[in-house]
Amino acid sequence: METSKEYDYLFKLLVVGQSGSGLSSVMERMGKDKFNPAHVRTIGVDFVIKTIDVDGKRVKIQIWDTSGGRERFRTITSSYYRGANGIILVYDITDEESFTHLTKHHIPEMEMHAQPNCVKMILGNKSDLAESRAISTERGEKVADKNGYKFMEVSAKTGDNTEKALLELATEFKIKVDSKLIEAPAILHHQQSISKKQTSGSCF
């Protein structure tokens, strides 16, 4: 059980995208700095926790991985959008379909369900496979700029830019909370214990 002295902000960060884009790997790399090439595809919802320092304050980040947007879990995913303070939209830079799915499905769905002013970033994953690139950096940046999101290309495999992306998200989250653009009521509930394992039917 944690006490209020152990962190100053609680940041709930949702990772979404098409299955096969590396959602679980991004979550594992950001939360545990690990990469498992044999990672089993997420069924339902899972999460990891990481606490980082932002401007002298401790930000506890819950990084949530959904099923990758499969239709079976659409109801679960929409409820998690509403509970998230930040959202990472992931596509595979070597897979045109994953990018199209993100622009045609995940972005509209997020804009429909996400809370106002939540922190948003598009991540082009698998930057280590640049020789097999199907989506140019410029295309990803264009979509992000059009929607007012942050953008970065990362590699969950090598860890390239993943820590930087998480710090940028946490920094913007802290700024928005301090400016009262985001309400963070969960900060008041430090006494609640959080299970390390989350079942597919649960929500924030």
Protein backbone atom coordinates (compact mmCIF):
# COMPACT_ATOMS: atom_id res chain seq x y z
CA MET A 1 0.00 0.00 0.00
CA GLU A 2 1.33 3.44 -0.97
CA THR A 3 1.14 6.69 0.96
CA SER A 4 0.66 10.19 -0.39
CA LYS A 5 4.36 10.92 0.24
CA GLU A 6 5.46 8.41 -2.38
CA TYR A 7 4.19 10.38 -5.39
CA ASP A 8 2.78 13.79 -6.22
CA TYR A 9 0.82 13.02 -9.40
CA LEU A 10 -0.94 9.92 -10.71
CA PHE A 11 -0.94 9.71 -14.52
CA LYS A 12 -3.16 7.13 -16.26
CA LEU A 13 -1.76 6.52 -19.73
CA LEU A 14 -3.57 4.38 -22.30
CA VAL A 15 -1.76 2.65 -25.20
CA VAL A 16 -3.95 1.85 -28.22
CA GLY A 17 -3.44 0.77 -31.79
CA GLN A 18 -3.92 -2.16 -34.14
CA SER A 19 -2.89 -5.62 -32.97
CA GLY A 20 0.63 -6.41 -34.15
CA SER A 21 1.87 -2.83 -33.84
CA GLY A 22 3.76 -3.63 -30.64
CA LEU A 23 1.43 -2.19 -27.99
CA SER A 24 2.48 -4.65 -25.27
CA SER A 25 6.14 -4.20 -26.18
CA VAL A 26 5.85 -0.41 -25.95
CA MET A 27 4.17 -0.75 -22.56
CA GLU A 28 6.84 -3.15 -21.29
CA ARG A 29 9.69 -1.00 -22.56
CA MET A 30 8.28 2.19 -21.07
CA GLY A 31 7.30 0.61 -17.77
CA LYS A 32 10.03 -1.95 -17.16
CA ASP A 33 12.74 -1.15 -19.74
CA LYS A 34 12.41 -4.70 -21.05
CA PHE A 35 11.70 -6.27 -24.43
CA ASN A 36 10.34 -9.78 -24.87
CA PRO A 37 10.29 -10.93 -28.52
CA ALA A 38 7.95 -13.76 -27.55
CA HIS A 39 5.45 -11.49 -25.80
CA VAL A 40 1.96 -13.02 -25.81
CA ARG A 41 -0.69 -10.77 -27.32
CA THR A 42 -2.77 -9.05 -24.65
CA ILE A 43 -6.23 -10.49 -23.97
CA GLY A 44 -8.36 -7.79 -22.37
CA VAL A 45 -6.39 -5.19 -20.43
CA ASP A 46 -3.03 -5.21 -18.66
CA PHE A 47 -0.85 -2.51 -17.11
CA VAL A 48 2.54 -1.67 -15.65
CA ILE A 49 3.55 1.08 -13.22
CA LYS A 50 6.53 3.41 -13.36
CA THR A 51 7.38 6.46 -11.25
CA ILE A 52 9.59 9.19 -12.70
CA ASP A 53 10.81 12.62 -11.63
CA VAL A 54 9.42 15.66 -13.44
CA ASP A 55 10.68 19.07 -12.29
CA GLY A 56 11.37 17.75 -8.81
CA LYS A 57 7.97 16.06 -8.46
CA ARG A 58 7.30 12.33 -8.51
CA VAL A 59 4.83 11.27 -11.20
CA LYS A 60 3.45 7.77 -10.86
CA ILE A 61 2.43 6.49 -14.28
CA GLN A 62 0.01 3.63 -14.87
CA ILE A 63 0.58 2.49 -18.47
CA TRP A 64 -2.42 0.54 -19.71
CA ASP A 65 -2.39 -1.78 -22.73
CA THR A 66 -5.71 -2.69 -24.36
CA SER A 67 -6.36 -5.57 -26.73
CA GLY A 68 -5.16 -3.52 -29.70
CA GLY A 69 -8.61 -2.32 -30.68
CA ARG A 70 -10.12 -5.64 -31.63
CA GLU A 71 -13.91 -5.45 -31.95
CA ARG A 72 -14.45 -7.92 -29.12
CA PHE A 73 -13.05 -5.43 -26.60
CA ARG A 74 -14.44 -2.20 -28.08
CA THR A 75 -16.68 -1.54 -25.03
CA ILE A 76 -13.79 -2.02 -22.62
CA THR A 77 -11.57 0.24 -24.71
CA SER A 78 -14.10 3.10 -24.80
CA SER A 79 -14.46 3.02 -21.01
CA TYR A 80 -10.69 3.22 -20.63
CA TYR A 81 -10.53 6.24 -22.96
CA ARG A 82 -12.83 8.08 -20.57
CA GLY A 83 -10.62 7.24 -17.59
CA ALA A 84 -7.27 8.13 -19.16
CA ASN A 85 -5.30 11.33 -18.59
CA GLY A 86 -3.09 10.56 -21.58
CA ILE A 87 -3.30 8.41 -24.72
CA ILE A 88 -0.56 6.96 -26.92
CA LEU A 89 -1.67 5.96 -30.42
CA VAL A 90 0.74 3.37 -31.82
CA TYR A 91 1.31 2.24 -35.39
CA ASP A 92 3.98 0.08 -37.02
CA ILE A 93 6.16 2.10 -39.42
CA THR A 94 6.53 -1.02 -41.61
CA ASP A 95 2.78 -1.66 -41.87
CA GLU A 96 0.54 0.58 -43.96
CA GLU A 97 -2.61 -1.05 -42.60
CA SER A 98 -1.73 -0.20 -38.99
CA PHE A 99 -1.33 3.47 -39.94
CA THR A 100 -4.61 3.54 -41.87
CA HIS A 101 -6.39 1.85 -38.97
CA LEU A 102 -5.05 4.46 -36.58
CA THR A 103 -6.21 7.39 -38.72
CA LYS A 104 -9.58 5.90 -39.71
CA HIS A 105 -10.59 4.20 -36.47
CA HIS A 106 -8.54 4.94 -33.37
CA ILE A 107 -8.27 8.71 -33.72
CA PRO A 108 -12.02 9.23 -34.29
CA GLU A 109 -12.83 6.78 -31.49
CA MET A 110 -10.45 8.54 -29.12
CA GLU A 111 -11.83 11.98 -29.95
CA MET A 112 -15.32 10.66 -29.25
CA HIS A 113 -14.57 9.09 -25.86
CA ALA A 114 -11.47 10.75 -24.37
CA GLN A 115 -11.72 13.46 -21.74
CA PRO A 116 -11.03 17.04 -22.89
CA ASN A 117 -7.42 18.24 -22.72
CA CYS A 118 -5.94 14.78 -22.13
CA VAL A 119 -2.36 14.40 -23.32
CA LYS A 120 -2.06 12.73 -26.74
CA MET A 121 0.89 11.37 -28.70
CA ILE A 122 1.27 9.34 -31.89
CA LEU A 123 4.13 6.83 -31.79
CA GLY A 124 5.56 5.20 -34.89
CA ASN A 125 6.95 1.95 -33.46
CA LYS A 126 9.69 -0.33 -34.88
CA SER A 127 12.07 2.45 -35.93
CA ASP A 128 14.80 -0.23 -35.79
CA LEU A 129 13.28 -1.63 -39.00
CA ALA A 130 13.84 1.55 -41.03
CA GLU A 131 14.97 -0.45 -44.07
CA SER A 132 11.45 -1.95 -44.23
CA ARG A 133 9.69 1.36 -43.67
CA ALA A 134 6.26 1.80 -45.29
CA ILE A 135 5.25 5.02 -43.49
CA SER A 136 7.52 8.05 -43.77
CA THR A 137 8.26 10.13 -40.71
CA GLU A 138 6.66 13.09 -42.48
CA ARG A 139 3.33 11.26 -42.86
CA GLY A 140 3.21 10.51 -39.16
CA GLU A 141 4.14 14.07 -38.26
CA LYS A 142 1.48 15.45 -40.61
CA VAL A 143 -1.32 13.48 -38.93
CA ALA A 144 -0.08 14.48 -35.48
CA ASP A 145 0.21 18.16 -36.42
CA LYS A 146 -3.25 18.16 -38.00
CA ASN A 147 -4.80 16.87 -34.77
CA GLY A 148 -2.61 18.79 -32.33
CA TYR A 149 -0.86 15.70 -30.93
CA LYS A 150 2.75 15.10 -30.04
CA PHE A 151 4.69 12.76 -32.34
CA MET A 152 7.72 10.52 -32.07
CA GLU A 153 9.17 7.42 -33.69
CA VAL A 154 10.39 4.78 -31.24
CA SER A 155 11.69 1.25 -31.05
CA ALA A 156 10.30 -0.94 -28.30
CA LYS A 157 12.96 -3.48 -29.25
CA THR A 158 16.01 -1.24 -28.77
CA GLY A 159 14.41 1.28 -26.42
CA ASP A 160 15.18 4.18 -28.75
CA ASN A 161 13.14 7.27 -27.78
CA THR A 162 10.76 5.38 -25.47
CA GLU A 163 12.02 7.04 -22.29
CA LYS A 164 12.03 10.43 -24.02
CA ALA A 165 8.43 9.95 -25.16
CA LEU A 166 7.27 8.99 -21.66
CA LEU A 167 9.01 12.01 -20.12
CA GLU A 168 7.42 14.36 -22.66
CA LEU A 169 3.98 12.95 -21.92
CA ALA A 170 4.44 13.12 -18.15
CA THR A 171 5.77 16.69 -18.37
CA GLU A 172 2.78 17.88 -20.40
CA PHE A 173 0.43 16.06 -18.02
CA LYS A 174 1.98 17.81 -15.00
CA ILE A 175 1.74 21.20 -16.72
CA LYS A 176 -1.94 20.63 -17.53
CA VAL A 177 -2.75 19.50 -14.00
CA ASP A 178 -0.91 22.49 -12.51
CA SER A 179 -2.82 24.76 -14.90
CA LYS A 180 -6.09 23.02 -13.95
CA LEU A 181 -6.69 21.97 -17.57
CA ILE A 182 -6.89 18.35 -16.40
CA GLU A 183 -8.60 17.13 -13.27
CA ALA A 184 -6.72 14.34 -11.53
CA PRO A 185 -9.08 13.11 -8.80
CA ALA A 186 -7.15 9.85 -8.45
CA ILE A 187 -4.39 11.83 -6.70
CA LEU A 188 -6.72 11.97 -3.68
CA HIS A 189 -6.93 8.20 -3.44
CA HIS A 190 -3.39 7.10 -2.59
CA GLN A 191 -4.71 4.63 -0.02
CA GLN A 192 -6.32 2.46 -2.65
CA SER A 193 -4.22 -0.61 -3.39
CA ILE A 194 -3.76 -1.54 -7.05
CA SER A 195 -3.51 -5.13 -8.10
CA LYS A 196 -0.50 -5.98 -10.26
CA LYS A 197 -2.78 -8.12 -12.39
CA GLN A 198 -5.87 -6.65 -14.03
CA THR A 199 -8.73 -8.72 -15.44
CA SER A 200 -10.23 -7.96 -18.81
CA GLY A 201 -13.54 -6.76 -17.37
CA SER A 202 -12.16 -4.12 -15.03
CA CYS A 203 -11.91 -0.38 -15.50
CA PHE A 204 -10.38 2.70 -13.93
